[in-house]
C-alpha cells in the first residue's frame, strides 16, 4: 500500500511539473512562468508525465545568483535538461521532504541576460519555492546544559578533581561526544560569595579549565571548548549572614558549580 501511495504521489507531482517539453507554437521553449498547466486523471497517466529529477543540494542552488556565468551554473547545478533556448536553462530537481526518502520533483529555471550572465531564477511551483526556502534556513543550534556541583567535582576551596568528580566528568564527556554534532562547548565555573571577588574569579576559572582539560582528554576537540570563570556574580540562591559557618557553606552549596553548555545539532 505504501508503494502504491508513493507512486501515486509522484504521479500527482508529475501533473504539477509535467510541462517541461511544451513549446510555444512548436518554436522556442517557453519561460517557466509561462507554461500552461496540463490536467490528467491519475489513472490516465503514462510514463511521459513522470519527471525524473536530480539531487542538488540547496546550498549549491543558493549560489546561483544574478551575475553568475553559465559555467558557474554548470559547475553548481550540472547540465540542464533543456538548454535549447539559450536565454533559459531548465532543471528538474529533487527537493527532499520531511519523511525519509520522499521528495518533490521540481522544475527550476535560470534566465540569462544577453551577455550570458544569470539575470534571475524561478521555481515552477510555489510549493517548490516554499520547500527550498525551508531547506536553506540556517539550522538553529540545540543547546544542552549539564550542571555539576563543585562539591562533587572538587574539594572545598580546591581545583583538583576528586575520584567521584572524575566519574561524573566521564559521564558528561560521553554526553558531549555522542549526543550531538558539536558546534562548540562552553565550560563556566561559579563559586559562592565567601572570599574576595578576585580570588573567586580566579578559582572559578581554574575549575573551568580543569573540566575543559578533562573533556579534551576524553576526545573532545580542544578548539571546540572554551572555559571561563564568573566567580560569585551569578548565584542560584541567596543566604543570610556573613560569618563563615558550616551552615552558611551548606546553604551556599548550589552556587558552587560548573556548567557545561553544549551547542550543536542532534
Protein backbone atom coordinates (compact mmCIF):
# COMPACT_ATOMS: atom_id res chain seq x y z
CA UNK A 1 0.00 0.00 0.00
CA UNK A 2 2.87 2.35 0.87
CA UNK A 3 4.47 1.75 -2.53
CA UNK A 4 1.24 2.43 -4.39
CA UNK A 5 0.71 5.64 -2.44
CA UNK A 6 4.25 6.75 -3.18
CA UNK A 7 3.85 6.14 -6.91
CA UNK A 8 0.53 7.96 -6.89
CA UNK A 9 2.10 10.90 -5.08
CA UNK A 10 4.88 11.10 -7.61
CA UNK A 11 2.39 10.95 -10.44
CA UNK A 12 0.36 13.76 -8.97
CA UNK A 13 3.55 15.76 -8.72
CA UNK A 14 4.18 14.92 -12.32
CA UNK A 15 0.92 16.61 -13.23
CA UNK A 16 2.10 19.71 -11.45
CA UNK A 17 5.52 19.71 -13.07
CA UNK A 18 4.93 17.81 -16.28
CA UNK A 19 5.09 20.64 -18.79
CA UNK A 20 8.80 20.86 -19.41
CA UNK A 21 8.57 19.94 -23.07
CA UNK A 22 5.67 22.21 -24.01
CA UNK A 23 6.65 24.63 -26.80
CA UNK A 24 5.11 27.86 -27.98
CA UNK A 25 3.73 27.01 -31.38
CA UNK A 26 6.44 24.40 -31.81
CA UNK A 27 9.19 27.03 -31.94
CA UNK A 28 11.02 28.25 -28.83
CA UNK A 29 10.56 26.78 -25.35
CA UNK A 30 8.61 28.97 -23.00
CA UNK A 31 9.97 30.51 -19.84
CA UNK A 32 9.00 28.60 -16.66
CA UNK A 33 6.43 31.20 -15.62
CA UNK A 34 4.68 30.92 -18.99
CA UNK A 35 3.99 27.18 -19.01
CA UNK A 36 0.38 26.12 -19.37
CA UNK A 37 -0.98 23.61 -16.90
CA UNK A 38 -1.92 20.14 -18.11
CA UNK A 39 -4.59 18.27 -16.17
CA UNK A 40 -4.71 14.48 -16.45
CA UNK A 41 -6.58 11.96 -14.33
CA UNK A 42 -4.29 9.81 -12.24
CA UNK A 43 -5.45 6.56 -13.88
CA UNK A 44 -4.66 8.05 -17.31
CA UNK A 45 -1.11 9.00 -16.52
CA UNK A 46 1.59 7.45 -18.66
CA UNK A 47 5.37 7.48 -18.37
CA UNK A 48 5.61 10.71 -20.38
CA UNK A 49 4.13 12.65 -17.48
CA UNK A 50 6.58 11.44 -14.84
CA UNK A 51 9.60 13.69 -14.35
CA UNK A 52 12.86 12.28 -13.00
CA UNK A 53 14.85 14.89 -11.12
CA UNK A 54 18.41 15.03 -9.85
CA UNK A 55 19.53 15.64 -6.29
CA UNK A 56 21.20 19.05 -5.99
CA UNK A 57 21.98 20.48 -2.59
CA UNK A 58 20.07 23.61 -1.58
CA UNK A 59 23.43 25.24 -0.81
CA UNK A 60 24.53 24.79 -4.43
CA UNK A 61 21.22 26.18 -5.73
CA UNK A 62 21.53 29.21 -3.46
CA UNK A 63 24.87 30.09 -5.08
CA UNK A 64 23.24 30.63 -8.48
CA UNK A 65 22.75 34.39 -8.23
CA UNK A 66 22.42 37.28 -10.68
CA UNK A 67 25.74 37.86 -12.35
CA UNK A 68 26.80 34.18 -12.29
CA UNK A 69 28.13 32.86 -15.59
CA UNK A 70 26.86 29.84 -17.47
CA UNK A 71 29.99 27.95 -16.47
CA UNK A 72 29.23 28.80 -12.83
CA UNK A 73 25.71 27.40 -13.23
CA UNK A 74 27.02 24.19 -14.83
CA UNK A 75 29.55 23.77 -12.04
CA UNK A 76 26.90 24.20 -9.34
CA UNK A 77 23.87 22.51 -10.90
CA UNK A 78 25.23 20.36 -13.70
CA UNK A 79 23.84 20.35 -17.22
CA UNK A 80 20.22 21.47 -17.74
CA UNK A 81 17.52 19.14 -19.06
CA UNK A 82 16.59 21.80 -21.60
CA UNK A 83 19.01 24.43 -22.91
CA UNK A 84 17.65 24.83 -26.45
CA UNK A 85 16.67 28.38 -25.58
CA UNK A 86 19.96 29.98 -24.59
CA UNK A 87 18.11 32.58 -22.53
CA UNK A 88 16.53 29.92 -20.28
CA UNK A 89 18.02 26.77 -18.78
CA UNK A 90 15.61 24.32 -17.19
CA UNK A 91 16.30 21.77 -14.45
CA UNK A 92 14.30 19.03 -12.73
CA UNK A 93 15.48 19.00 -9.13
CA UNK A 94 14.57 16.62 -6.30
CA UNK A 95 13.88 18.51 -3.08
CA UNK A 96 13.75 16.21 -0.02
CA UNK A 97 10.65 16.21 2.16
CA UNK A 98 10.44 15.64 5.90
CA UNK A 99 9.61 11.94 5.52
CA UNK A 100 12.66 9.81 4.89
CA UNK A 101 13.22 9.04 1.20
CA UNK A 102 10.35 11.19 -0.12
CA UNK A 103 10.93 14.23 -2.31
CA UNK A 104 9.36 16.78 -4.63
CA UNK A 105 10.39 16.78 -8.28
CA UNK A 106 10.56 20.49 -9.04
CA UNK A 107 11.23 22.46 -12.19
CA UNK A 108 13.72 25.26 -11.80
CA UNK A 109 14.54 27.86 -14.42
CA UNK A 110 17.63 30.04 -14.80
CA UNK A 111 17.30 33.12 -17.00
CA UNK A 112 20.34 34.68 -18.68
CA UNK A 113 20.86 38.19 -19.98
CA UNK A 114 22.29 38.88 -23.47
CA UNK A 115 25.81 38.74 -22.01
CA UNK A 116 25.24 35.17 -20.81
CA UNK A 117 25.06 36.01 -17.11
CA UNK A 118 22.28 34.96 -14.74
CA UNK A 119 19.51 37.55 -14.69
CA UNK A 120 17.02 35.70 -12.47
CA UNK A 121 15.91 32.28 -11.24
CA UNK A 122 12.46 30.85 -10.73
CA UNK A 123 10.77 27.78 -9.28
CA UNK A 124 7.98 26.32 -11.42
CA UNK A 125 5.60 25.84 -8.49
CA UNK A 126 5.09 27.80 -5.24
CA UNK A 127 5.26 24.62 -3.14
CA UNK A 128 8.73 24.01 -4.57
CA UNK A 129 9.86 27.54 -3.76
CA UNK A 130 8.44 27.19 -0.26
CA UNK A 131 10.20 23.88 0.36
CA UNK A 132 13.50 25.21 -0.99
CA UNK A 133 13.30 28.23 1.32
CA UNK A 134 12.71 25.89 4.27
CA UNK A 135 15.77 23.87 3.33
CA UNK A 136 18.12 26.85 3.13
CA UNK A 137 17.10 28.24 6.51
CA UNK A 138 20.11 28.16 8.84
CA UNK A 139 19.93 25.46 11.47
CA UNK A 140 19.43 26.82 14.96
CA UNK A 141 21.82 25.00 17.27
CA UNK A 142 20.34 22.93 20.04
CA UNK A 143 21.64 23.80 23.47
CA UNK A 144 22.05 21.33 26.28
CA UNK A 145 23.30 22.24 29.73
CA UNK A 146 24.99 19.95 32.20
CA UNK A 147 25.46 21.40 35.69
CA UNK A 148 27.86 19.67 38.07
CA UNK A 149 28.20 20.84 41.66
CA UNK A 150 31.73 21.79 42.58
CA UNK A 151 31.44 19.97 45.90
CA UNK A 152 31.16 16.75 43.88
CA UNK A 153 33.95 17.61 41.45
CA UNK A 154 36.43 19.21 43.85
CA UNK A 155 37.27 19.51 47.49
CA UNK A 156 36.26 22.73 49.21
CA UNK A 157 38.39 25.68 48.02
CA UNK A 158 40.21 23.32 45.59
CA UNK A 159 40.60 22.94 41.83
CA UNK A 160 41.81 19.34 41.97
CA UNK A 161 39.32 16.76 40.69
CA UNK A 162 38.17 14.16 43.18
CA UNK A 163 37.67 10.48 42.32
CA UNK A 164 33.92 11.00 42.32
CA UNK A 165 34.37 14.13 40.22
CA UNK A 166 36.31 12.18 37.60
CA UNK A 167 33.43 9.68 37.30
CA UNK A 168 30.89 12.49 36.90
CA UNK A 169 33.02 14.18 34.24
CA UNK A 170 33.44 10.92 32.34
CA UNK A 171 29.65 10.67 32.09
CA UNK A 172 29.44 14.29 30.98
CA UNK A 173 32.15 13.71 28.36
CA UNK A 174 30.13 10.82 26.93
CA UNK A 175 27.11 13.10 26.53
CA UNK A 176 29.20 15.84 24.91
CA UNK A 177 30.89 13.45 22.49
CA UNK A 178 27.94 11.29 21.47
CA UNK A 179 24.67 13.18 21.85
CA UNK A 180 25.25 15.99 19.36
CA UNK A 181 27.22 17.07 16.35
CA UNK A 182 29.16 19.74 18.19
CA UNK A 183 29.42 23.38 17.24
CA UNK A 184 31.04 24.46 20.50
CA UNK A 185 31.19 23.74 24.21
CA UNK A 186 31.45 26.43 26.89
CA UNK A 187 32.55 25.48 30.41
CA UNK A 188 31.64 28.06 33.06
CA UNK A 189 32.86 27.93 36.67
CA UNK A 190 30.96 29.54 39.57
CA UNK A 191 31.79 30.00 43.26
CA UNK A 192 29.90 31.11 46.33
CA UNK A 193 30.37 34.62 47.79
CA UNK A 194 32.79 33.59 50.54
CA UNK A 195 36.15 35.24 49.87
CA UNK A 196 37.22 38.18 47.73
CA UNK A 197 35.91 38.75 44.22
CA UNK A 198 39.38 38.42 42.70
CA UNK A 199 40.01 35.12 44.50
CA UNK A 200 36.64 33.69 43.49
CA UNK A 201 37.10 34.77 39.88
CA UNK A 202 40.46 33.00 39.74
CA UNK A 203 39.16 29.85 41.48
CA UNK A 204 36.13 29.56 39.20
CA UNK A 205 38.36 29.97 36.13
CA UNK A 206 40.82 27.31 37.35
CA UNK A 207 37.98 24.86 37.93
CA UNK A 208 36.52 25.54 34.49
CA UNK A 209 39.96 24.99 32.91
CA UNK A 210 40.34 21.67 34.76
CA UNK A 211 36.98 20.48 33.45
CA UNK A 212 37.87 21.65 29.94
CA UNK A 213 41.16 19.74 30.05
CA UNK A 214 39.42 16.57 31.17
CA UNK A 215 36.89 16.79 28.32
CA UNK A 216 39.76 17.23 25.87
CA UNK A 217 41.48 14.15 27.33
CA UNK A 218 38.29 12.21 26.55
CA UNK A 219 38.45 13.06 22.85
CA UNK A 220 36.63 16.40 22.52
CA UNK A 221 38.50 18.68 20.10
CA UNK A 222 40.25 21.42 22.06
CA UNK A 223 39.32 24.15 19.58
CA UNK A 224 35.62 23.50 20.25
CA UNK A 225 35.86 24.05 24.01
CA UNK A 226 36.30 27.32 25.88
CA UNK A 227 36.43 27.94 29.65
CA UNK A 228 35.56 30.96 31.73
CA UNK A 229 35.11 31.83 35.38
CA UNK A 230 32.31 34.03 36.67
CA UNK A 231 33.13 33.92 40.34
CA UNK A 232 30.16 34.61 42.59
CA UNK A 233 28.36 37.00 40.23
CA UNK A 234 25.60 34.58 39.17
CA UNK A 235 24.29 32.90 42.35
CA UNK A 236 21.41 30.47 42.23
CA UNK A 237 20.34 31.21 45.80
CA UNK A 238 20.88 33.89 48.42
CA UNK A 239 21.74 33.05 52.03
CA UNK A 240 21.61 35.26 55.12
CA UNK A 241 24.67 36.07 57.20
CA UNK A 242 28.31 36.96 56.63
CA UNK A 243 30.01 34.90 59.35
CA UNK A 244 31.61 31.83 57.76
CA UNK A 245 29.94 28.84 59.37
CA UNK A 246 29.21 25.27 58.30
CA UNK A 247 25.54 26.15 57.89
CA UNK A 248 26.37 29.13 55.62
CA UNK A 249 28.66 26.95 53.49
CA UNK A 250 25.92 24.36 53.24
CA UNK A 251 23.33 26.97 52.27
CA UNK A 252 25.60 28.39 49.54
CA UNK A 253 26.46 24.95 48.14
CA UNK A 254 24.26 25.22 44.97
CA UNK A 255 26.19 28.32 43.92
CA UNK A 256 29.44 26.35 43.75
CA UNK A 257 29.03 24.67 40.40
CA UNK A 258 30.38 24.13 36.90
CA UNK A 259 28.13 24.49 33.86
CA UNK A 260 28.86 22.71 30.59
CA UNK A 261 26.93 24.39 27.78
CA UNK A 262 26.77 22.17 24.69
CA UNK A 263 25.86 23.77 21.36
CA UNK A 264 25.24 21.60 18.28
CA UNK A 265 22.82 19.61 16.14
CA UNK A 266 21.10 16.49 17.39
